[in-house]
Amino acid sequence: MSISPIELRALQQAGEVQLGPQRQELRPPETKDSFADMLTRAVGSVDETMKTSEQSMQDFAAGKTENVHEVMINMQRAQLSFQMMVEIRNKAIETYQEISRMQI
């Protein structure tokens, strides 16, 4: 039994037969943020955490606050956010180096 090209096209359009990968439309992302914008916000967030930590340490040293727990929490939060940023940077560099070694 042979199927004519016209019948094949009709079946394919009806969804009964699929030949090869379907063509998909590329849609722009919902948000207009670029990767650079995302990185800028992330670095700004880490910077803000570091500034908050430093300010709380200065306030504690000046005697403006006596809550040592809050100071230590702010310091740990700043340290962890900085370490995470460094690890993300390391992974990005590692990925770039791996891609640059690929043969085209």
PDB file of N, CA and C in Angstrom:
ATOM      1  N   MET A   1       0.839  -1.159   0.000  1.00  0.00           N
ATOM      2  CA  MET A   1       0.000   0.000   0.000  1.00  0.00           C
ATOM      3  C   MET A   1       0.890   1.229   0.000  1.00  0.00           C
ATOM      4  N   SER A   2       0.676   2.098  -0.918  1.00  0.00           N
ATOM      5  CA  SER A   2       1.466   3.291  -1.071  1.00  0.00           C
ATOM      6  C   SER A   2       0.611   4.512  -0.744  1.00  0.00           C
ATOM      7  N   ILE A   3       1.216   5.461  -0.060  1.00  0.00           N
ATOM      8  CA  ILE A   3       0.517   6.692   0.297  1.00  0.00           C
ATOM      9  C   ILE A   3       1.063   7.806  -0.583  1.00  0.00           C
ATOM     10  N   SER A   4       0.163   8.523  -1.173  1.00  0.00           N
ATOM     11  CA  SER A   4       0.589   9.621  -2.028  1.00  0.00           C
ATOM     12  C   SER A   4       1.104  10.773  -1.162  1.00  0.00           C
ATOM     13  N   PRO A   5       1.939  11.651  -1.735  1.00  0.00           N
ATOM     14  CA  PRO A   5       2.446  12.791  -0.975  1.00  0.00           C
ATOM     15  C   PRO A   5       1.338  13.698  -0.450  1.00  0.00           C
ATOM     16  N   ILE A   6       0.249  13.817  -1.188  1.00  0.00           N
ATOM     17  CA  ILE A   6      -0.858  14.662  -0.744  1.00  0.00           C
ATOM     18  C   ILE A   6      -1.510  14.055   0.490  1.00  0.00           C
ATOM     19  N   GLU A   7      -1.717  12.731   0.479  1.00  0.00           N
ATOM     20  CA  GLU A   7      -2.306  12.060   1.634  1.00  0.00           C
ATOM     21  C   GLU A   7      -1.359  12.125   2.843  1.00  0.00           C
ATOM     22  N   LEU A   8      -0.067  11.978   2.582  1.00  0.00           N
ATOM     23  CA  LEU A   8       0.931  12.031   3.640  1.00  0.00           C
ATOM     24  C   LEU A   8       0.932  13.406   4.306  1.00  0.00           C
ATOM     25  N   ARG A   9       0.848  14.450   3.476  1.00  0.00           N
ATOM     26  CA  ARG A   9       0.817  15.809   4.020  1.00  0.00           C
ATOM     27  C   ARG A   9      -0.450  16.019   4.856  1.00  0.00           C
ATOM     28  N   ALA A  10      -1.569  15.518   4.396  1.00  0.00           N
ATOM     29  CA  ALA A  10      -2.819  15.667   5.136  1.00  0.00           C
ATOM     30  C   ALA A  10      -2.752  14.941   6.471  1.00  0.00           C
ATOM     31  N   LEU A  11      -2.166  13.725   6.465  1.00  0.00           N
ATOM     32  CA  LEU A  11      -2.022  12.980   7.713  1.00  0.00           C
ATOM     33  C   LEU A  11      -1.057  13.684   8.669  1.00  0.00           C
ATOM     34  N   GLN A  12       0.011  14.224   8.124  1.00  0.00           N
ATOM     35  CA  GLN A  12       0.986  14.913   8.955  1.00  0.00           C
ATOM     36  C   GLN A  12       0.364  16.160   9.579  1.00  0.00           C
ATOM     37  N   GLN A  13      -0.405  16.898   8.824  1.00  0.00           N
ATOM     38  CA  GLN A  13      -1.061  18.086   9.350  1.00  0.00           C
ATOM     39  C   GLN A  13      -2.107  17.720  10.397  1.00  0.00           C
ATOM     40  N   ALA A  14      -2.739  16.592  10.234  1.00  0.00           N
ATOM     41  CA  ALA A  14      -3.741  16.146  11.203  1.00  0.00           C
ATOM     42  C   ALA A  14      -3.091  15.626  12.477  1.00  0.00           C
ATOM     43  N   GLY A  15      -1.785  15.389  12.439  1.00  0.00           N
ATOM     44  CA  GLY A  15      -1.075  14.939  13.628  1.00  0.00           C
ATOM     45  C   GLY A  15      -1.021  13.440  13.770  1.00  0.00           C
ATOM     46  N   GLU A  16      -1.469  12.708  12.773  1.00  0.00           N
ATOM     47  CA  GLU A  16      -1.467  11.257  12.866  1.00  0.00           C
ATOM     48  C   GLU A  16      -0.098  10.674  12.528  1.00  0.00           C
ATOM     49  N   VAL A  17       0.655  11.351  11.692  1.00  0.00           N
ATOM     50  CA  VAL A  17       1.969  10.868  11.284  1.00  0.00           C
ATOM     51  C   VAL A  17       2.957  11.997  11.485  1.00  0.00           C
ATOM     52  N   GLN A  18       4.079  11.664  12.083  1.00  0.00           N
ATOM     53  CA  GLN A  18       5.124  12.664  12.256  1.00  0.00           C
ATOM     54  C   GLN A  18       6.371  12.177  11.550  1.00  0.00           C
ATOM     55  N   LEU A  19       6.905  12.998  10.705  1.00  0.00           N
ATOM     56  CA  LEU A  19       8.121  12.661   9.984  1.00  0.00           C
ATOM     57  C   LEU A  19       9.224  13.612  10.424  1.00  0.00           C
ATOM     58  N   GLY A  20      10.182  13.103  11.150  1.00  0.00           N
ATOM     59  CA  GLY A  20      11.303  13.926  11.579  1.00  0.00           C
ATOM     60  C   GLY A  20      10.902  14.912  12.659  1.00  0.00           C
ATOM     61  N   PRO A  21      11.881  15.690  13.091  1.00  0.00           N
ATOM     62  CA  PRO A  21      11.590  16.655  14.150  1.00  0.00           C
ATOM     63  C   PRO A  21      10.695  17.774  13.648  1.00  0.00           C
ATOM     64  N   GLN A  22       9.806  18.185  14.509  1.00  0.00           N
ATOM     65  CA  GLN A  22       8.899  19.264  14.171  1.00  0.00           C
ATOM     66  C   GLN A  22       9.611  20.605  14.318  1.00  0.00           C
ATOM     67  N   ARG A  23       9.277  21.521  13.487  1.00  0.00           N
ATOM     68  CA  ARG A  23       9.851  22.855  13.552  1.00  0.00           C
ATOM     69  C   ARG A  23       9.132  23.629  14.647  1.00  0.00           C
ATOM     70  N   GLN A  24       9.913  24.231  15.541  1.00  0.00           N
ATOM     71  CA  GLN A  24       9.334  24.969  16.641  1.00  0.00           C
ATOM     72  C   GLN A  24       9.660  26.439  16.480  1.00  0.00           C
ATOM     73  N   GLU A  25       8.699  27.264  16.853  1.00  0.00           N
ATOM     74  CA  GLU A  25       8.928  28.695  16.801  1.00  0.00           C
ATOM     75  C   GLU A  25       9.749  29.113  18.007  1.00  0.00           C
ATOM     76  N   LEU A  26      10.711  29.979  17.776  1.00  0.00           N
ATOM     77  CA  LEU A  26      11.480  30.534  18.868  1.00  0.00           C
ATOM     78  C   LEU A  26      10.805  31.814  19.314  1.00  0.00           C
ATOM     79  N   ARG A  27      10.488  31.851  20.573  1.00  0.00           N
ATOM     80  CA  ARG A  27       9.831  33.027  21.122  1.00  0.00           C
ATOM     81  C   ARG A  27      10.820  33.767  22.006  1.00  0.00           C
ATOM     82  N   PRO A  28      10.755  35.082  21.997  1.00  0.00           N
ATOM     83  CA  PRO A  28      11.643  35.820  22.898  1.00  0.00           C
ATOM     84  C   PRO A  28      11.240  35.565  24.336  1.00  0.00           C
ATOM     85  N   PRO A  29      12.192  35.614  25.249  1.00  0.00           N
ATOM     86  CA  PRO A  29      11.839  35.390  26.649  1.00  0.00           C
ATOM     87  C   PRO A  29      10.858  36.448  27.133  1.00  0.00           C
ATOM     88  N   GLU A  30      10.103  36.074  28.151  1.00  0.00           N
ATOM     89  CA  GLU A  30       9.069  36.950  28.678  1.00  0.00           C
ATOM     90  C   GLU A  30       9.660  38.232  29.266  1.00  0.00           C
ATOM     91  N   THR A  31      10.809  38.102  29.910  1.00  0.00           N
ATOM     92  CA  THR A  31      11.426  39.274  30.505  1.00  0.00           C
ATOM     93  C   THR A  31      12.475  39.830  29.558  1.00  0.00           C
ATOM     94  N   LYS A  32      12.752  41.080  29.700  1.00  0.00           N
ATOM     95  CA  LYS A  32      13.712  41.754  28.836  1.00  0.00           C
ATOM     96  C   LYS A  32      15.111  41.783  29.449  1.00  0.00           C
ATOM     97  N   ASP A  33      15.317  41.089  30.572  1.00  0.00           N
ATOM     98  CA  ASP A  33      16.611  41.100  31.238  1.00  0.00           C
ATOM     99  C   ASP A  33      17.625  40.291  30.457  1.00  0.00           C
ATOM    100  N   SER A  34      18.798  40.833  30.311  1.00  0.00           N
ATOM    101  CA  SER A  34      19.870  40.107  29.647  1.00  0.00           C
ATOM    102  C   SER A  34      20.710  39.391  30.709  1.00  0.00           C
ATOM    103  N   PHE A  35      21.614  38.576  30.240  1.00  0.00           N
ATOM    104  CA  PHE A  35      22.499  37.857  31.148  1.00  0.00           C
ATOM    105  C   PHE A  35      23.370  38.853  31.907  1.00  0.00           C
ATOM    106  N   ALA A  36      23.810  39.908  31.230  1.00  0.00           N
ATOM    107  CA  ALA A  36      24.635  40.929  31.876  1.00  0.00           C
ATOM    108  C   ALA A  36      23.855  41.627  32.988  1.00  0.00           C
ATOM    109  N   ASP A  37      22.562  41.889  32.753  1.00  0.00           N
ATOM    110  CA  ASP A  37      21.734  42.518  33.787  1.00  0.00           C
ATOM    111  C   ASP A  37      21.607  41.614  35.003  1.00  0.00           C
ATOM    112  N   MET A  38      21.435  40.327  34.751  1.00  0.00           N
ATOM    113  CA  MET A  38      21.313  39.372  35.843  1.00  0.00           C
ATOM    114  C   MET A  38      22.608  39.325  36.662  1.00  0.00           C
ATOM    115  N   LEU A  39      23.749  39.304  35.977  1.00  0.00           N
ATOM    116  CA  LEU A  39      25.032  39.285  36.688  1.00  0.00           C
ATOM    117  C   LEU A  39      25.249  40.575  37.472  1.00  0.00           C
ATOM    118  N   THR A  40      24.868  41.685  36.884  1.00  0.00           N
ATOM    119  CA  THR A  40      25.021  42.968  37.572  1.00  0.00           C
ATOM    120  C   THR A  40      24.202  42.998  38.856  1.00  0.00           C
ATOM    121  N   ARG A  41      22.960  42.498  38.794  1.00  0.00           N
ATOM    122  CA  ARG A  41      22.128  42.443  39.987  1.00  0.00           C
ATOM    123  C   ARG A  41      22.708  41.502  41.036  1.00  0.00           C
ATOM    124  N   ALA A  42      23.248  40.363  40.601  1.00  0.00           N
ATOM    125  CA  ALA A  42      23.818  39.394  41.541  1.00  0.00           C
ATOM    126  C   ALA A  42      25.042  39.977  42.248  1.00  0.00           C
ATOM    127  N   VAL A  43      25.917  40.621  41.485  1.00  0.00           N
ATOM    128  CA  VAL A  43      27.106  41.228  42.090  1.00  0.00           C
ATOM    129  C   VAL A  43      26.692  42.372  43.015  1.00  0.00           C
ATOM    130  N   GLY A  44      25.690  43.144  42.610  1.00  0.00           N
ATOM    131  CA  GLY A  44      25.186  44.214  43.472  1.00  0.00           C
ATOM    132  C   GLY A  44      24.625  43.683  44.771  1.00  0.00           C
ATOM    133  N   SER A  45      23.947  42.542  44.699  1.00  0.00           N
ATOM    134  CA  SER A  45      23.393  41.923  45.903  1.00  0.00           C
ATOM    135  C   SER A  45      24.504  41.472  46.850  1.00  0.00           C
ATOM    136  N   VAL A  46      25.551  40.880  46.293  1.00  0.00           N
ATOM    137  CA  VAL A  46      26.683  40.453  47.115  1.00  0.00           C
ATOM    138  C   VAL A  46      27.356  41.677  47.734  1.00  0.00           C
ATOM    139  N   ASP A  47      27.504  42.736  46.955  1.00  0.00           N
ATOM    140  CA  ASP A  47      28.115  43.959  47.460  1.00  0.00           C
ATOM    141  C   ASP A  47      27.286  44.551  48.598  1.00  0.00           C
ATOM    142  N   GLU A  48      25.977  44.555  48.433  1.00  0.00           N
ATOM    143  CA  GLU A  48      25.089  45.081  49.481  1.00  0.00           C
ATOM    144  C   GLU A  48      25.201  44.242  50.757  1.00  0.00           C
ATOM    145  N   THR A  49      25.305  42.927  50.616  1.00  0.00           N
ATOM    146  CA  THR A  49      25.465  42.049  51.775  1.00  0.00           C
ATOM    147  C   THR A  49      26.785  42.331  52.487  1.00  0.00           C
ATOM    148  N   MET A  50      27.837  42.556  51.711  1.00  0.00           N
ATOM    149  CA  MET A  50      29.148  42.864  52.304  1.00  0.00           C
ATOM    150  C   MET A  50      29.104  44.205  53.049  1.00  0.00           C
ATOM    151  N   LYS A  51      28.434  45.192  52.457  1.00  0.00           N
ATOM    152  CA  LYS A  51      28.332  46.507  53.108  1.00  0.00           C
ATOM    153  C   LYS A  51      27.525  46.414  54.402  1.00  0.00           C
ATOM    154  N   THR A  52      26.449  45.637  54.390  1.00  0.00           N
ATOM    155  CA  THR A  52      25.637  45.457  55.588  1.00  0.00           C
ATOM    156  C   THR A  52      26.455  44.801  56.699  1.00  0.00           C
ATOM    157  N   SER A  53      27.246  43.802  56.312  1.00  0.00           N
ATOM    158  CA  SER A  53      28.088  43.116  57.278  1.00  0.00           C
ATOM    159  C   SER A  53      29.120  44.071  57.878  1.00  0.00           C
ATOM    160  N   GLU A  54      29.749  44.852  57.037  1.00  0.00           N
ATOM    161  CA  GLU A  54      30.759  45.789  57.528  1.00  0.00           C
ATOM    162  C   GLU A  54      30.132  46.856  58.434  1.00  0.00           C
ATOM    163  N   GLN A  55      28.965  47.347  58.053  1.00  0.00           N
ATOM    164  CA  GLN A  55      28.295  48.350  58.872  1.00  0.00           C
ATOM    165  C   GLN A  55      27.918  47.784  60.238  1.00  0.00           C
ATOM    166  N   SER A  56      27.437  46.543  60.261  1.00  0.00           N
ATOM    167  CA  SER A  56      27.071  45.943  61.551  1.00  0.00           C
ATOM    168  C   SER A  56      28.310  45.721  62.416  1.00  0.00           C
ATOM    169  N   MET A  57      29.452  45.390  61.795  1.00  0.00           N
ATOM    170  CA  MET A  57      30.693  45.248  62.573  1.00  0.00           C
ATOM    171  C   MET A  57      31.132  46.592  63.143  1.00  0.00           C
ATOM    172  N   GLN A  58      31.024  47.649  62.345  1.00  0.00           N
ATOM    173  CA  GLN A  58      31.403  48.986  62.825  1.00  0.00           C
ATOM    174  C   GLN A  58      30.479  49.452  63.944  1.00  0.00           C
ATOM    175  N   ASP A  59      29.184  49.177  63.792  1.00  0.00           N
ATOM    176  CA  ASP A  59      28.233  49.539  64.842  1.00  0.00           C
ATOM    177  C   ASP A  59      28.537  48.805  66.142  1.00  0.00           C
ATOM    178  N   PHE A  60      28.903  47.531  66.038  1.00  0.00           N
ATOM    179  CA  PHE A  60      29.233  46.755  67.231  1.00  0.00           C
ATOM    180  C   PHE A  60      30.514  47.284  67.882  1.00  0.00           C
ATOM    181  N   ALA A  61      31.521  47.598  67.065  1.00  0.00           N
ATOM    182  CA  ALA A  61      32.785  48.108  67.602  1.00  0.00           C
ATOM    183  C   ALA A  61      32.600  49.484  68.242  1.00  0.00           C
ATOM    184  N   ALA A  62      31.675  50.273  67.703  1.00  0.00           N
ATOM    185  CA  ALA A  62      31.430  51.611  68.248  1.00  0.00           C
ATOM    186  C   ALA A  62      30.496  51.578  69.449  1.00  0.00           C
ATOM    187  N   GLY A  63      29.935  50.432  69.751  1.00  0.00           N
ATOM    188  CA  GLY A  63      29.045  50.305  70.894  1.00  0.00           C
ATOM    189  C   GLY A  63      27.612  50.710  70.593  1.00  0.00           C
ATOM    190  N   LYS A  64      27.278  50.872  69.321  1.00  0.00           N
ATOM    191  CA  LYS A  64      25.916  51.263  68.954  1.00  0.00           C
ATOM    192  C   LYS A  64      24.935  50.104  69.094  1.00  0.00           C
ATOM    193  N   THR A  65      25.447  48.897  69.023  1.00  0.00           N
ATOM    194  CA  THR A  65      24.606  47.708  69.192  1.00  0.00           C
ATOM    195  C   THR A  65      25.356  46.696  70.046  1.00  0.00           C
ATOM    196  N   GLU A  66      24.593  45.896  70.761  1.00  0.00           N
ATOM    197  CA  GLU A  66      25.209  44.870  71.591  1.00  0.00           C
ATOM    198  C   GLU A  66      24.796  43.476  71.144  1.00  0.00           C
ATOM    199  N   ASN A  67      24.121  43.386  70.022  1.00  0.00           N
ATOM    200  CA  ASN A  67      23.638  42.103  69.522  1.00  0.00           C
ATOM    201  C   ASN A  67      24.733  41.437  68.680  1.00  0.00           C
ATOM    202  N   VAL A  68      25.579  40.679  69.340  1.00  0.00           N
ATOM    203  CA  VAL A  68      26.699  40.031  68.651  1.00  0.00           C
ATOM    204  C   VAL A  68      26.200  38.944  67.696  1.00  0.00           C
ATOM    205  N   HIS A  69      25.047  38.369  67.995  1.00  0.00           N
ATOM    206  CA  HIS A  69      24.491  37.325  67.128  1.00  0.00           C
ATOM    207  C   HIS A  69      24.164  37.883  65.746  1.00  0.00           C
ATOM    208  N   GLU A  70      23.558  39.051  65.727  1.00  0.00           N
ATOM    209  CA  GLU A  70      23.209  39.683  64.447  1.00  0.00           C
ATOM    210  C   GLU A  70      24.460  40.012  63.639  1.00  0.00           C
ATOM    211  N   VAL A  71      25.504  40.463  64.324  1.00  0.00           N
ATOM    212  CA  VAL A  71      26.768  40.765  63.650  1.00  0.00           C
ATOM    213  C   VAL A  71      27.353  39.503  63.030  1.00  0.00           C
ATOM    214  N   MET A  72      27.364  38.425  63.783  1.00  0.00           N
ATOM    215  CA  MET A  72      27.925  37.164  63.282  1.00  0.00           C
ATOM    216  C   MET A  72      27.092  36.613  62.133  1.00  0.00           C
ATOM    217  N   ILE A  73      25.777  36.732  62.208  1.00  0.00           N
ATOM    218  CA  ILE A  73      24.910  36.258  61.120  1.00  0.00           C
ATOM    219  C   ILE A  73      25.178  37.057  59.856  1.00  0.00           C
ATOM    220  N   ASN A  74      25.303  38.379  60.000  1.00  0.00           N
ATOM    221  CA  ASN A  74      25.595  39.212  58.831  1.00  0.00           C
ATOM    222  C   ASN A  74      26.954  38.875  58.219  1.00  0.00           C
ATOM    223  N   MET A  75      27.938  38.600  59.067  1.00  0.00           N
ATOM    224  CA  MET A  75      29.268  38.241  58.567  1.00  0.00           C
ATOM    225  C   MET A  75      29.228  36.912  57.812  1.00  0.00           C
ATOM    226  N   GLN A  76      28.526  35.935  58.368  1.00  0.00           N
ATOM    227  CA  GLN A  76      28.430  34.633  57.704  1.00  0.00           C
ATOM    228  C   GLN A  76      27.666  34.730  56.393  1.00  0.00           C
ATOM    229  N   ARG A  77      26.597  35.514  56.384  1.00  0.00           N
ATOM    230  CA  ARG A  77      25.808  35.712  55.163  1.00  0.00           C
ATOM    231  C   ARG A  77      26.675  36.333  54.071  1.00  0.00           C
ATOM    232  N   ALA A  78      27.485  37.333  54.444  1.00  0.00           N
ATOM    233  CA  ALA A  78      28.372  37.984  53.479  1.00  0.00           C
ATOM    234  C   ALA A  78      29.436  37.012  52.971  1.00  0.00           C
ATOM    235  N   GLN A  79      29.985  36.227  53.876  1.00  0.00           N
ATOM    236  CA  GLN A  79      31.012  35.269  53.481  1.00  0.00           C
ATOM    237  C   GLN A  79      30.452  34.217  52.526  1.00  0.00           C
ATOM    238  N   LEU A  80      29.279  33.683  52.837  1.00  0.00           N
ATOM    239  CA  LEU A  80      28.685  32.658  51.979  1.00  0.00           C
ATOM    240  C   LEU A  80      28.295  33.208  50.608  1.00  0.00           C
ATOM    241  N   SER A  81      27.740  34.415  50.585  1.00  0.00           N
ATOM    242  CA  SER A  81      27.360  34.982  49.289  1.00  0.00           C
ATOM    243  C   SER A  81      28.592  35.259  48.438  1.00  0.00           C
ATOM    244  N   PHE A  82      29.675  35.717  49.054  1.00  0.00           N
ATOM    245  CA  PHE A  82      30.912  35.956  48.303  1.00  0.00           C
ATOM    246  C   PHE A  82      31.503  34.652  47.789  1.00  0.00           C
ATOM    247  N   GLN A  83      31.510  33.616  48.631  1.00  0.00           N
ATOM    248  CA  GLN A  83      32.027  32.315  48.201  1.00  0.00           C
ATOM    249  C   GLN A  83      31.215  31.757  47.045  1.00  0.00           C
ATOM    250  N   MET A  84      29.917  31.922  47.092  1.00  0.00           N
ATOM    251  CA  MET A  84      29.072  31.433  46.009  1.00  0.00           C
ATOM    252  C   MET A  84      29.362  32.193  44.720  1.00  0.00           C
ATOM    253  N   MET A  85      29.538  33.513  44.813  1.00  0.00           N
ATOM    254  CA  MET A  85      29.863  34.299  43.630  1.00  0.00           C
ATOM    255  C   MET A  85      31.195  33.854  43.021  1.00  0.00           C
ATOM    256  N   VAL A  86      32.174  33.571  43.866  1.00  0.00           N
ATOM    257  CA  VAL A  86      33.473  33.111  43.376  1.00  0.00           C
ATOM    258  C   VAL A  86      33.343  31.752  42.695  1.00  0.00           C
ATOM    259  N   GLU A  87      32.556  30.853  43.267  1.00  0.00           N
ATOM    260  CA  GLU A  87      32.366  29.535  42.660  1.00  0.00           C
ATOM    261  C   GLU A  87      31.639  29.628  41.326  1.00  0.00           C
ATOM    262  N   ILE A  88      30.662  30.521  41.239  1.00  0.00           N
ATOM    263  CA  ILE A  88      29.965  30.714  39.959  1.00  0.00           C
ATOM    264  C   ILE A  88      30.931  31.253  38.925  1.00  0.00           C
ATOM    265  N   ARG A  89      31.783  32.189  39.333  1.00  0.00           N
ATOM    266  CA  ARG A  89      32.804  32.717  38.416  1.00  0.00           C
ATOM    267  C   ARG A  89      33.749  31.605  37.952  1.00  0.00           C
ATOM    268  N   ASN A  90      34.174  30.769  38.884  1.00  0.00           N
ATOM    269  CA  ASN A  90      35.076  29.670  38.534  1.00  0.00           C
ATOM    270  C   ASN A  90      34.424  28.715  37.538  1.00  0.00           C
ATOM    271  N   LYS A  91      33.148  28.397  37.759  1.00  0.00           N
ATOM    272  CA  LYS A  91      32.438  27.506  36.832  1.00  0.00           C
ATOM    273  C   LYS A  91      32.287  28.146  35.464  1.00  0.00           C
ATOM    274  N   ALA A  92      32.018  29.446  35.422  1.00  0.00           N
ATOM    275  CA  ALA A  92      31.884  30.137  34.136  1.00  0.00           C
ATOM    276  C   ALA A  92      33.204  30.123  33.374  1.00  0.00           C
ATOM    277  N   ILE A  93      34.302  30.354  34.072  1.00  0.00           N
ATOM    278  CA  ILE A  93      35.619  30.317  33.428  1.00  0.00           C
ATOM    279  C   ILE A  93      35.936  28.911  32.948  1.00  0.00           C
ATOM    280  N   GLU A  94      35.631  27.925  33.774  1.00  0.00           N
ATOM    281  CA  GLU A  94      35.871  26.528  33.400  1.00  0.00           C
ATOM    282  C   GLU A  94      35.052  26.150  32.161  1.00  0.00           C
ATOM    283  N   THR A  95      33.812  26.584  32.119  1.00  0.00           N
ATOM    284  CA  THR A  95      32.953  26.304  30.969  1.00  0.00           C
ATOM    285  C   THR A  95      33.478  26.984  29.721  1.00  0.00           C
ATOM    286  N   TYR A  96      33.907  28.235  29.850  1.00  0.00           N
ATOM    287  CA  TYR A  96      34.477  28.960  28.711  1.00  0.00           C
ATOM    288  C   TYR A  96      35.714  28.243  28.179  1.00  0.00           C
ATOM    289  N   GLN A  97      36.578  27.795  29.081  1.00  0.00           N
ATOM    290  CA  GLN A  97      37.789  27.094  28.649  1.00  0.00           C
ATOM    291  C   GLN A  97      37.448  25.781  27.958  1.00  0.00           C
ATOM    292  N   GLU A  98      36.444  25.078  28.465  1.00  0.00           N
ATOM    293  CA  GLU A  98      36.025  23.819  27.844  1.00  0.00           C
ATOM    294  C   GLU A  98      35.466  24.064  26.449  1.00  0.00           C
ATOM    295  N   ILE A  99      34.668  25.105  26.294  1.00  0.00           N
ATOM    296  CA  ILE A  99      34.094  25.426  24.984  1.00  0.00           C
ATOM    297  C   ILE A  99      35.187  25.853  24.013  1.00  0.00           C
ATOM    298  N   SER A 100      36.174  26.602  24.505  1.00  0.00           N
ATOM    299  CA  SER A 100      37.249  27.055  23.616  1.00  0.00           C
ATOM    300  C   SER A 100      38.122  25.899  23.139  1.00  0.00           C
ATOM    301  N   ARG A 101      38.143  24.793  23.867  1.00  0.00           N
ATOM    302  CA  ARG A 101      38.930  23.628  23.451  1.00  0.00           C
ATOM    303  C   ARG A 101      38.180  22.753  22.443  1.00  0.00           C
ATOM    304  N   MET A 102      36.876  22.974  22.295  1.00  0.00           N
ATOM    305  CA  MET A 102      36.102  22.165  21.355  1.00  0.00           C
ATOM    306  C   MET A 102      36.526  22.443  19.926  1.00  0.00           C
ATOM    307  N   GLN A 103      36.549  21.393  19.146  1.00  0.00           N
ATOM    308  CA  GLN A 103      36.858  21.562  17.727  1.00  0.00           C
ATOM    309  C   GLN A 103      35.566  21.801  16.969  1.00  0.00           C
ATOM    310  N   ILE A 104      35.656  22.703  16.022  1.00  0.00           N
ATOM    311  CA  ILE A 104      34.473  23.030  15.231  1.00  0.00           C
ATOM    312  C   ILE A 104      34.515  22.284  13.921  1.00  0.00           C
TER     313      ILE A 104
END
